[in-house]
Amino acid sequence: MADKKAESPYATRVDPTKEGLSPEQLHFIRQVELAQWKKKTSKLRTRNVVTGLAIGALVLGIYGYTFYSVSQERIMDEIDEEAKRARTQGPKTGAN
């Protein structure tokens, strides 16, 4: 199936340097290449924007979660309370 060559000249590759093409044909080739390039870059730009937004959302999520978890921490408060209890429950000597 893939071994067979197409009989029609449709979509065959043409090397403009080797084949004698008219200026109109060269102009048409340039127009088609430019249209393909524009189509490809618009798809690529859209994909890049989506990727950038996804990465930005991930970063903001991590940043927000970090702030949330740090605000939930009560470690220093617990340590201060333990130290206060230890001072009040400890033996009363002249050194205290």
Protein backbone atom coordinates (compact mmCIF):
# COMPACT_ATOMS: atom_id res chain seq x y z
CA MET A 1 0.00 0.00 0.00
CA ALA A 2 2.70 2.50 0.99
CA ASP A 3 5.08 1.04 -1.61
CA LYS A 4 3.02 2.25 -4.55
CA LYS A 5 3.87 5.59 -6.09
CA ALA A 6 1.07 8.00 -6.81
CA GLU A 7 0.35 8.46 -10.49
CA SER A 8 -0.88 12.01 -10.08
CA PRO A 9 1.48 14.92 -9.38
CA TYR A 10 -0.66 15.96 -6.40
CA ALA A 11 1.36 16.80 -3.28
CA THR A 12 4.71 15.79 -4.71
CA ARG A 13 7.79 17.48 -3.36
CA VAL A 14 9.36 19.99 -5.68
CA ASP A 15 12.87 21.37 -5.31
CA PRO A 16 12.66 24.91 -6.70
CA THR A 17 16.43 25.12 -7.21
CA LYS A 18 16.59 22.05 -9.45
CA GLU A 19 13.34 22.34 -11.34
CA GLY A 20 12.56 25.19 -13.66
CA LEU A 21 9.60 26.92 -12.03
CA SER A 22 7.97 30.07 -13.25
CA PRO A 23 7.92 33.16 -11.01
CA GLU A 24 4.17 32.67 -10.51
CA GLN A 25 4.74 29.14 -9.26
CA LEU A 26 7.51 30.29 -6.90
CA HIS A 27 5.22 33.06 -5.60
CA PHE A 28 2.43 30.53 -5.01
CA ILE A 29 4.84 28.20 -3.17
CA ARG A 30 5.93 31.08 -0.92
CA GLN A 31 2.29 31.99 -0.21
CA VAL A 32 1.42 28.41 0.73
CA GLU A 33 4.52 28.09 2.95
CA LEU A 34 3.66 31.38 4.67
CA ALA A 35 0.08 30.24 5.30
CA GLN A 36 1.32 26.94 6.74
CA TRP A 37 3.83 28.78 8.93
CA LYS A 38 1.13 31.15 10.26
CA LYS A 39 -1.20 28.25 11.04
CA LYS A 40 1.54 26.33 12.82
CA THR A 41 2.69 29.33 14.88
CA SER A 42 -0.84 30.15 16.00
CA LYS A 43 -1.31 26.59 17.25
CA LEU A 44 2.08 26.71 18.96
CA ARG A 45 1.27 30.07 20.57
CA THR A 46 -2.03 28.73 21.89
CA ARG A 47 -0.30 25.66 23.28
CA ASN A 48 2.38 27.83 24.92
CA VAL A 49 -0.25 30.06 26.54
CA VAL A 50 -2.12 27.05 27.93
CA THR A 51 1.12 25.56 29.25
CA GLY A 52 2.11 28.88 30.84
CA LEU A 53 -1.27 29.26 32.51
CA ALA A 54 -1.10 25.70 33.84
CA ILE A 55 2.38 26.25 35.28
CA GLY A 56 1.30 29.59 36.77
CA ALA A 57 -1.75 27.98 38.37
CA LEU A 58 0.44 25.25 39.85
CA VAL A 59 2.88 27.81 41.27
CA LEU A 60 0.07 29.91 42.75
CA GLY A 61 -1.47 26.77 44.24
CA ILE A 62 1.77 25.78 45.91
CA TYR A 63 2.32 29.34 47.12
CA GLY A 64 -1.20 29.57 48.53
CA TYR A 65 -0.97 26.18 50.21
CA THR A 66 2.33 27.19 51.80
CA PHE A 67 0.77 30.33 53.27
CA TYR A 68 -2.23 28.34 54.46
CA SER A 69 -0.13 25.66 56.14
CA VAL A 70 2.21 28.18 57.75
CA SER A 71 -0.75 30.09 59.16
CA GLN A 72 -2.05 26.81 60.63
CA GLU A 73 1.20 26.11 62.47
CA ARG A 74 1.06 26.58 66.19
CA ILE A 75 4.50 25.16 66.98
CA MET A 76 5.94 28.33 68.48
CA ASP A 77 2.78 28.90 70.51
CA GLU A 78 2.95 25.34 71.85
CA ILE A 79 6.63 25.69 72.75
CA ASP A 80 5.95 28.96 74.57
CA GLU A 81 3.07 27.37 76.50
CA GLU A 82 5.23 24.38 77.49
CA ALA A 83 8.00 26.68 78.69
CA LYS A 84 5.50 28.73 80.70
CA ARG A 85 4.05 25.57 82.30
CA ALA A 86 7.52 24.28 83.09
CA ARG A 87 8.38 27.55 84.82
CA THR A 88 5.21 27.57 86.89
CA GLN A 89 5.33 23.86 87.83
CA GLY A 90 9.06 23.71 88.51
CA PRO A 91 10.54 23.77 92.02
CA LYS A 92 10.76 27.18 93.65
CA THR A 93 14.34 27.75 94.62
CA GLY A 94 16.43 30.85 95.09
CA ALA A 95 18.07 30.26 91.71
CA ASN A 96 14.76 30.62 89.84
